[in-house]
PDB file of N, CA and C in Angstrom:
ATOM      1  N   MET A   1     -15.363   1.859   6.136  1.00  0.00           N
ATOM      2  CA  MET A   1     -16.492   2.303   6.906  1.00  0.00           C
ATOM      3  C   MET A   1     -16.372   3.822   7.091  1.00  0.00           C
ATOM      4  N   ILE A   2     -17.455   4.531   6.819  1.00  0.00           N
ATOM      5  CA  ILE A   2     -17.468   5.982   6.984  1.00  0.00           C
ATOM      6  C   ILE A   2     -17.749   6.308   8.447  1.00  0.00           C
ATOM      7  N   ILE A   3     -16.966   7.227   8.994  1.00  0.00           N
ATOM      8  CA  ILE A   3     -17.147   7.657  10.377  1.00  0.00           C
ATOM      9  C   ILE A   3     -17.774   9.048  10.359  1.00  0.00           C
ATOM     10  N   PRO A   4     -18.984   9.202  10.901  1.00  0.00           N
ATOM     11  CA  PRO A   4     -19.583  10.540  10.971  1.00  0.00           C
ATOM     12  C   PRO A   4     -18.720  11.455  11.857  1.00  0.00           C
ATOM     13  N   ILE A   5     -18.444  12.665  11.384  1.00  0.00           N
ATOM     14  CA  ILE A   5     -17.549  13.544  12.133  1.00  0.00           C
ATOM     15  C   ILE A   5     -18.140  13.958  13.475  1.00  0.00           C
ATOM     16  N   ASN A   6     -19.466  13.922  13.609  1.00  0.00           N
ATOM     17  CA  ASN A   6     -20.071  14.286  14.893  1.00  0.00           C
ATOM     18  C   ASN A   6     -19.912  13.191  15.944  1.00  0.00           C
ATOM     19  N   GLU A   7     -19.382  12.031  15.541  1.00  0.00           N
ATOM     20  CA  GLU A   7     -19.128  10.940  16.481  1.00  0.00           C
ATOM     21  C   GLU A   7     -17.674  10.889  16.926  1.00  0.00           C
ATOM     22  N   VAL A   8     -16.893  11.881  16.507  1.00  0.00           N
ATOM     23  CA  VAL A   8     -15.478  11.970  16.864  1.00  0.00           C
ATOM     24  C   VAL A   8     -15.306  13.191  17.756  1.00  0.00           C
ATOM     25  N   SER A   9     -14.552  13.059  18.824  1.00  0.00           N
ATOM     26  CA  SER A   9     -14.340  14.202  19.718  1.00  0.00           C
ATOM     27  C   SER A   9     -13.649  15.333  18.950  1.00  0.00           C
ATOM     28  N   PRO A  10     -13.895  16.577  19.347  1.00  0.00           N
ATOM     29  CA  PRO A  10     -13.251  17.709  18.666  1.00  0.00           C
ATOM     30  C   PRO A  10     -11.722  17.609  18.645  1.00  0.00           C
ATOM     31  N   ASP A  11     -11.126  17.167  19.747  1.00  0.00           N
ATOM     32  CA  ASP A  11      -9.665  17.026  19.789  1.00  0.00           C
ATOM     33  C   ASP A  11      -9.180  15.945  18.831  1.00  0.00           C
ATOM     34  N   ALA A  12      -9.874  14.823  18.802  1.00  0.00           N
ATOM     35  CA  ALA A  12      -9.479  13.733  17.905  1.00  0.00           C
ATOM     36  C   ALA A  12      -9.643  14.153  16.447  1.00  0.00           C
ATOM     37  N   LEU A  13     -10.731  14.860  16.139  1.00  0.00           N
ATOM     38  CA  LEU A  13     -10.955  15.324  14.779  1.00  0.00           C
ATOM     39  C   LEU A  13      -9.858  16.291  14.356  1.00  0.00           C
ATOM     40  N   SER A  14      -9.503  17.211  15.241  1.00  0.00           N
ATOM     41  CA  SER A  14      -8.424  18.157  14.927  1.00  0.00           C
ATOM     42  C   SER A  14      -7.114  17.428  14.668  1.00  0.00           C
ATOM     43  N   SER A  15      -6.823  16.421  15.470  1.00  0.00           N
ATOM     44  CA  SER A  15      -5.588  15.646  15.285  1.00  0.00           C
ATOM     45  C   SER A  15      -5.599  14.894  13.958  1.00  0.00           C
ATOM     46  N   LEU A  16      -6.737  14.303  13.616  1.00  0.00           N
ATOM     47  CA  LEU A  16      -6.851  13.592  12.340  1.00  0.00           C
ATOM     48  C   LEU A  16      -6.646  14.538  11.168  1.00  0.00           C
ATOM     49  N   ILE A  17      -7.277  15.708  11.237  1.00  0.00           N
ATOM     50  CA  ILE A  17      -7.157  16.680  10.148  1.00  0.00           C
ATOM     51  C   ILE A  17      -5.718  17.185  10.037  1.00  0.00           C
ATOM     52  N   GLU A  18      -5.112  17.543  11.157  1.00  0.00           N
ATOM     53  CA  GLU A  18      -3.735  18.043  11.129  1.00  0.00           C
ATOM     54  C   GLU A  18      -2.777  16.981  10.591  1.00  0.00           C
ATOM     55  N   GLY A  19      -2.948  15.743  11.005  1.00  0.00           N
ATOM     56  CA  GLY A  19      -2.114  14.667  10.493  1.00  0.00           C
ATOM     57  C   GLY A  19      -2.271  14.492   8.990  1.00  0.00           C
ATOM     58  N   PHE A  20      -3.496  14.566   8.518  1.00  0.00           N
ATOM     59  CA  PHE A  20      -3.769  14.461   7.089  1.00  0.00           C
ATOM     60  C   PHE A  20      -3.102  15.598   6.326  1.00  0.00           C
ATOM     61  N   VAL A  21      -3.268  16.820   6.810  1.00  0.00           N
ATOM     62  CA  VAL A  21      -2.687  17.984   6.138  1.00  0.00           C
ATOM     63  C   VAL A  21      -1.166  17.894   6.120  1.00  0.00           C
ATOM     64  N   LEU A  22      -0.580  17.480   7.215  1.00  0.00           N
ATOM     65  CA  LEU A  22       0.876  17.376   7.262  1.00  0.00           C
ATOM     66  C   LEU A  22       1.405  16.312   6.294  1.00  0.00           C
ATOM     67  N   ARG A  23       0.651  15.227   6.119  1.00  0.00           N
ATOM     68  CA  ARG A  23       1.055  14.202   5.145  1.00  0.00           C
ATOM     69  C   ARG A  23       0.911  14.717   3.720  1.00  0.00           C
ATOM     70  N   GLU A  24      -0.159  15.478   3.475  1.00  0.00           N
ATOM     71  CA  GLU A  24      -0.444  15.966   2.124  1.00  0.00           C
ATOM     72  C   GLU A  24       0.378  17.191   1.764  1.00  0.00           C
ATOM     73  N   GLY A  25       0.802  17.968   2.762  1.00  0.00           N
ATOM     74  CA  GLY A  25       1.569  19.184   2.502  1.00  0.00           C
ATOM     75  C   GLY A  25       0.676  20.401   2.373  1.00  0.00           C
ATOM     76  N   THR A  26       1.302  21.566   2.351  1.00  0.00           N
ATOM     77  CA  THR A  26       0.540  22.813   2.269  1.00  0.00           C
ATOM     78  C   THR A  26       0.942  23.657   1.063  1.00  0.00           C
ATOM     79  N   GLU A  27       1.726  23.095   0.146  1.00  0.00           N
ATOM     80  CA  GLU A  27       2.101  23.828  -1.059  1.00  0.00           C
ATOM     81  C   GLU A  27       1.085  23.564  -2.151  1.00  0.00           C
ATOM     82  N   TYR A  28       0.505  24.630  -2.658  1.00  0.00           N
ATOM     83  CA  TYR A  28      -0.519  24.509  -3.695  1.00  0.00           C
ATOM     84  C   TYR A  28      -0.227  25.504  -4.797  1.00  0.00           C
ATOM     85  N   GLY A  29       0.698  25.167  -5.672  1.00  0.00           N
ATOM     86  CA  GLY A  29       1.009  26.027  -6.800  1.00  0.00           C
ATOM     87  C   GLY A  29       1.799  27.252  -6.389  1.00  0.00           C
ATOM     88  N   GLU A  30       1.422  28.391  -6.964  1.00  0.00           N
ATOM     89  CA  GLU A  30       2.164  29.624  -6.734  1.00  0.00           C
ATOM     90  C   GLU A  30       1.981  30.176  -5.326  1.00  0.00           C
ATOM     91  N   ALA A  31       0.844  29.921  -4.720  1.00  0.00           N
ATOM     92  CA  ALA A  31       0.564  30.473  -3.387  1.00  0.00           C
ATOM     93  C   ALA A  31       0.564  29.350  -2.357  1.00  0.00           C
ATOM     94  N   ASP A  32       1.471  29.450  -1.375  1.00  0.00           N
ATOM     95  CA  ASP A  32       1.470  28.476  -0.289  1.00  0.00           C
ATOM     96  C   ASP A  32       0.269  28.730   0.612  1.00  0.00           C
ATOM     97  N   CYS A  33      -0.165  27.684   1.262  1.00  0.00           N
ATOM     98  CA  CYS A  33      -1.308  27.758   2.162  1.00  0.00           C
ATOM     99  C   CYS A  33      -0.800  27.403   3.554  1.00  0.00           C
ATOM    100  N   SER A  34      -1.125  28.203   4.552  1.00  0.00           N
ATOM    101  CA  SER A  34      -0.648  27.917   5.909  1.00  0.00           C
ATOM    102  C   SER A  34      -1.327  26.659   6.446  1.00  0.00           C
ATOM    103  N   LEU A  35      -0.691  26.052   7.419  1.00  0.00           N
ATOM    104  CA  LEU A  35      -1.255  24.862   8.051  1.00  0.00           C
ATOM    105  C   LEU A  35      -2.639  25.163   8.609  1.00  0.00           C
ATOM    106  N   THR A  36      -2.772  26.285   9.272  1.00  0.00           N
ATOM    107  CA  THR A  36      -4.065  26.666   9.857  1.00  0.00           C
ATOM    108  C   THR A  36      -5.137  26.807   8.787  1.00  0.00           C
ATOM    109  N   ASP A  37      -4.783  27.469   7.685  1.00  0.00           N
ATOM    110  CA  ASP A  37      -5.751  27.651   6.598  1.00  0.00           C
ATOM    111  C   ASP A  37      -6.159  26.313   5.998  1.00  0.00           C
ATOM    112  N   LYS A  38      -5.189  25.445   5.760  1.00  0.00           N
ATOM    113  CA  LYS A  38      -5.502  24.157   5.157  1.00  0.00           C
ATOM    114  C   LYS A  38      -6.332  23.290   6.102  1.00  0.00           C
ATOM    115  N   VAL A  39      -6.036  23.328   7.392  1.00  0.00           N
ATOM    116  CA  VAL A  39      -6.836  22.580   8.372  1.00  0.00           C
ATOM    117  C   VAL A  39      -8.286  23.050   8.319  1.00  0.00           C
ATOM    118  N   GLU A  40      -8.486  24.351   8.256  1.00  0.00           N
ATOM    119  CA  GLU A  40      -9.849  24.887   8.189  1.00  0.00           C
ATOM    120  C   GLU A  40     -10.545  24.509   6.885  1.00  0.00           C
ATOM    121  N   GLN A  41      -9.794  24.473   5.779  1.00  0.00           N
ATOM    122  CA  GLN A  41     -10.374  24.056   4.500  1.00  0.00           C
ATOM    123  C   GLN A  41     -10.829  22.605   4.564  1.00  0.00           C
ATOM    124  N   VAL A  42     -10.002  21.743   5.138  1.00  0.00           N
ATOM    125  CA  VAL A  42     -10.360  20.324   5.251  1.00  0.00           C
ATOM    126  C   VAL A  42     -11.531  20.153   6.206  1.00  0.00           C
ATOM    127  N   ARG A  43     -11.531  20.894   7.307  1.00  0.00           N
ATOM    128  CA  ARG A  43     -12.654  20.828   8.256  1.00  0.00           C
ATOM    129  C   ARG A  43     -13.961  21.225   7.558  1.00  0.00           C
ATOM    130  N   ALA A  44     -13.908  22.267   6.735  1.00  0.00           N
ATOM    131  CA  ALA A  44     -15.096  22.717   5.995  1.00  0.00           C
ATOM    132  C   ALA A  44     -15.554  21.649   5.003  1.00  0.00           C
ATOM    133  N   GLN A  45     -14.599  20.987   4.348  1.00  0.00           N
ATOM    134  CA  GLN A  45     -14.952  19.920   3.406  1.00  0.00           C
ATOM    135  C   GLN A  45     -15.597  18.739   4.132  1.00  0.00           C
ATOM    136  N   LEU A  46     -15.110  18.423   5.316  1.00  0.00           N
ATOM    137  CA  LEU A  46     -15.722  17.356   6.109  1.00  0.00           C
ATOM    138  C   LEU A  46     -17.131  17.755   6.558  1.00  0.00           C
ATOM    139  N   SER A  47     -17.283  18.996   6.983  1.00  0.00           N
ATOM    140  CA  SER A  47     -18.591  19.471   7.447  1.00  0.00           C
ATOM    141  C   SER A  47     -19.623  19.489   6.327  1.00  0.00           C
ATOM    142  N   SER A  48     -19.184  19.838   5.122  1.00  0.00           N
ATOM    143  CA  SER A  48     -20.113  19.918   3.987  1.00  0.00           C
ATOM    144  C   SER A  48     -20.377  18.561   3.340  1.00  0.00           C
ATOM    145  N   GLY A  49     -19.568  17.563   3.685  1.00  0.00           N
ATOM    146  CA  GLY A  49     -19.736  16.249   3.084  1.00  0.00           C
ATOM    147  C   GLY A  49     -18.910  16.045   1.821  1.00  0.00           C
ATOM    148  N   GLU A  50     -18.130  17.051   1.423  1.00  0.00           N
ATOM    149  CA  GLU A  50     -17.266  16.909   0.244  1.00  0.00           C
ATOM    150  C   GLU A  50     -16.150  15.901   0.506  1.00  0.00           C
ATOM    151  N   ALA A  51     -15.722  15.799   1.769  1.00  0.00           N
ATOM    152  CA  ALA A  51     -14.692  14.844   2.170  1.00  0.00           C
ATOM    153  C   ALA A  51     -15.268  14.004   3.312  1.00  0.00           C
ATOM    154  N   LEU A  52     -14.724  12.807   3.462  1.00  0.00           N
ATOM    155  CA  LEU A  52     -15.244  11.871   4.462  1.00  0.00           C
ATOM    156  C   LEU A  52     -14.110  11.289   5.292  1.00  0.00           C
ATOM    157  N   LEU A  53     -14.423  10.984   6.549  1.00  0.00           N
ATOM    158  CA  LEU A  53     -13.512  10.203   7.392  1.00  0.00           C
ATOM    159  C   LEU A  53     -13.815   8.742   7.117  1.00  0.00           C
ATOM    160  N   VAL A  54     -12.802   7.985   6.742  1.00  0.00           N
ATOM    161  CA  VAL A  54     -13.015   6.588   6.396  1.00  0.00           C
ATOM    162  C   VAL A  54     -12.058   5.714   7.202  1.00  0.00           C
ATOM    163  N   TYR A  55     -12.627   4.712   7.862  1.00  0.00           N
ATOM    164  CA  TYR A  55     -11.827   3.741   8.615  1.00  0.00           C
ATOM    165  C   TYR A  55     -11.594   2.523   7.736  1.00  0.00           C
ATOM    166  N   SER A  56     -10.332   2.113   7.630  1.00  0.00           N
ATOM    167  CA  SER A  56      -9.977   0.911   6.887  1.00  0.00           C
ATOM    168  C   SER A  56      -9.798  -0.228   7.881  1.00  0.00           C
ATOM    169  N   GLU A  57     -10.689  -1.201   7.821  1.00  0.00           N
ATOM    170  CA  GLU A  57     -10.559  -2.365   8.694  1.00  0.00           C
ATOM    171  C   GLU A  57      -9.320  -3.167   8.326  1.00  0.00           C
ATOM    172  N   LEU A  58      -8.990  -3.206   7.047  1.00  0.00           N
ATOM    173  CA  LEU A  58      -7.831  -3.955   6.585  1.00  0.00           C
ATOM    174  C   LEU A  58      -6.536  -3.388   7.165  1.00  0.00           C
ATOM    175  N   HIS A  59      -6.404  -2.052   7.127  1.00  0.00           N
ATOM    176  CA  HIS A  59      -5.173  -1.407   7.591  1.00  0.00           C
ATOM    177  C   HIS A  59      -5.278  -0.838   9.012  1.00  0.00           C
ATOM    178  N   GLU A  60      -6.496  -0.865   9.567  1.00  0.00           N
ATOM    179  CA  GLU A  60      -6.778  -0.314  10.896  1.00  0.00           C
ATOM    180  C   GLU A  60      -6.309   1.140  10.994  1.00  0.00           C
ATOM    181  N   THR A  61      -6.697   1.938   9.982  1.00  0.00           N
ATOM    182  CA  THR A  61      -6.338   3.350   9.928  1.00  0.00           C
ATOM    183  C   THR A  61      -7.569   4.176   9.582  1.00  0.00           C
ATOM    184  N   VAL A  62      -7.473   5.473   9.896  1.00  0.00           N
ATOM    185  CA  VAL A  62      -8.507   6.426   9.514  1.00  0.00           C
ATOM    186  C   VAL A  62      -7.868   7.405   8.548  1.00  0.00           C
ATOM    187  N   ASN A  63      -8.572   7.685   7.464  1.00  0.00           N
ATOM    188  CA  ASN A  63      -8.060   8.633   6.487  1.00  0.00           C
ATOM    189  C   ASN A  63      -9.184   9.565   6.058  1.00  0.00           C
ATOM    190  N   ILE A  64      -8.802  10.647   5.431  1.00  0.00           N
ATOM    191  CA  ILE A  64      -9.759  11.607   4.887  1.00  0.00           C
ATOM    192  C   ILE A  64      -9.670  11.497   3.380  1.00  0.00           C
ATOM    193  N   ILE A  65     -10.819  11.278   2.743  1.00  0.00           N
ATOM    194  CA  ILE A  65     -10.835  11.166   1.290  1.00  0.00           C
ATOM    195  C   ILE A  65     -11.949  12.017   0.710  1.00  0.00           C
ATOM    196  N   PRO A  66     -11.771  12.489  -0.529  1.00  0.00           N
ATOM    197  CA  PRO A  66     -12.867  13.178  -1.202  1.00  0.00           C
ATOM    198  C   PRO A  66     -14.025  12.207  -1.400  1.00  0.00           C
ATOM    199  N   LYS A  67     -15.234  12.691  -1.238  1.00  0.00           N
ATOM    200  CA  LYS A  67     -16.418  11.838  -1.359  1.00  0.00           C
ATOM    201  C   LYS A  67     -16.466  11.134  -2.712  1.00  0.00           C
ATOM    202  N   ASP A  68     -16.053  11.822  -3.776  1.00  0.00           N
ATOM    203  CA  ASP A  68     -16.135  11.224  -5.104  1.00  0.00           C
ATOM    204  C   ASP A  68     -15.136  10.092  -5.323  1.00  0.00           C
ATOM    205  N   GLN A  69     -14.171   9.911  -4.421  1.00  0.00           N
ATOM    206  CA  GLN A  69     -13.223   8.807  -4.521  1.00  0.00           C
ATOM    207  C   GLN A  69     -13.661   7.581  -3.722  1.00  0.00           C
ATOM    208  N   LEU A  70     -14.727   7.691  -2.976  1.00  0.00           N
ATOM    209  CA  LEU A  70     -15.152   6.576  -2.128  1.00  0.00           C
ATOM    210  C   LEU A  70     -15.444   5.328  -2.944  1.00  0.00           C
ATOM    211  N   GLY A  71     -16.109   5.454  -4.067  1.00  0.00           N
ATOM    212  CA  GLY A  71     -16.416   4.302  -4.906  1.00  0.00           C
ATOM    213  C   GLY A  71     -15.175   3.625  -5.433  1.00  0.00           C
ATOM    214  N   LEU A  72     -14.157   4.400  -5.767  1.00  0.00           N
ATOM    215  CA  LEU A  72     -12.904   3.837  -6.272  1.00  0.00           C
ATOM    216  C   LEU A  72     -12.218   3.005  -5.208  1.00  0.00           C
ATOM    217  N   ILE A  73     -12.230   3.458  -3.977  1.00  0.00           N
ATOM    218  CA  ILE A  73     -11.600   2.725  -2.877  1.00  0.00           C
ATOM    219  C   ILE A  73     -12.344   1.428  -2.616  1.00  0.00           C
ATOM    220  N   ASP A  74     -13.684   1.473  -2.616  1.00  0.00           N
ATOM    221  CA  ASP A  74     -14.467   0.266  -2.400  1.00  0.00           C
ATOM    222  C   ASP A  74     -14.185  -0.770  -3.482  1.00  0.00           C
ATOM    223  N   GLU A  75     -14.063  -0.319  -4.741  1.00  0.00           N
ATOM    224  CA  GLU A  75     -13.803  -1.237  -5.843  1.00  0.00           C
ATOM    225  C   GLU A  75     -12.414  -1.873  -5.720  1.00  0.00           C
ATOM    226  N   GLU A  76     -11.430  -1.121  -5.245  1.00  0.00           N
ATOM    227  CA  GLU A  76     -10.066  -1.633  -5.127  1.00  0.00           C
ATOM    228  C   GLU A  76      -9.946  -2.693  -4.036  1.00  0.00           C
ATOM    229  N   THR A  77     -10.783  -2.618  -3.001  1.00  0.00           N
ATOM    230  CA  THR A  77     -10.676  -3.563  -1.888  1.00  0.00           C
ATOM    231  C   THR A  77     -11.482  -4.824  -2.112  1.00  0.00           C
ATOM    232  N   GLU A  78     -12.278  -4.870  -3.166  1.00  0.00           N
ATOM    233  CA  GLU A  78     -13.091  -6.062  -3.417  1.00  0.00           C
ATOM    234  C   GLU A  78     -12.333  -7.075  -4.233  1.00  0.00           C
TER     235      GLU A  78
END
């Protein structure tokens, strides 16, 4: 289930994004990206719709995924 970001409190959204970034890491090739920079990049992707907040009823978790991967996740759970 997709969760609209405007239905999540600002503090909760920040926590979700920071948790996601910390799990994914901040090393991107030759140039490292600071936690703050990566959080802002993910926030921008969520705001633009490039990434989505998705709740998994099966796992009872919320994750951030690229919009183009949503179909793949739906197919895997069927």
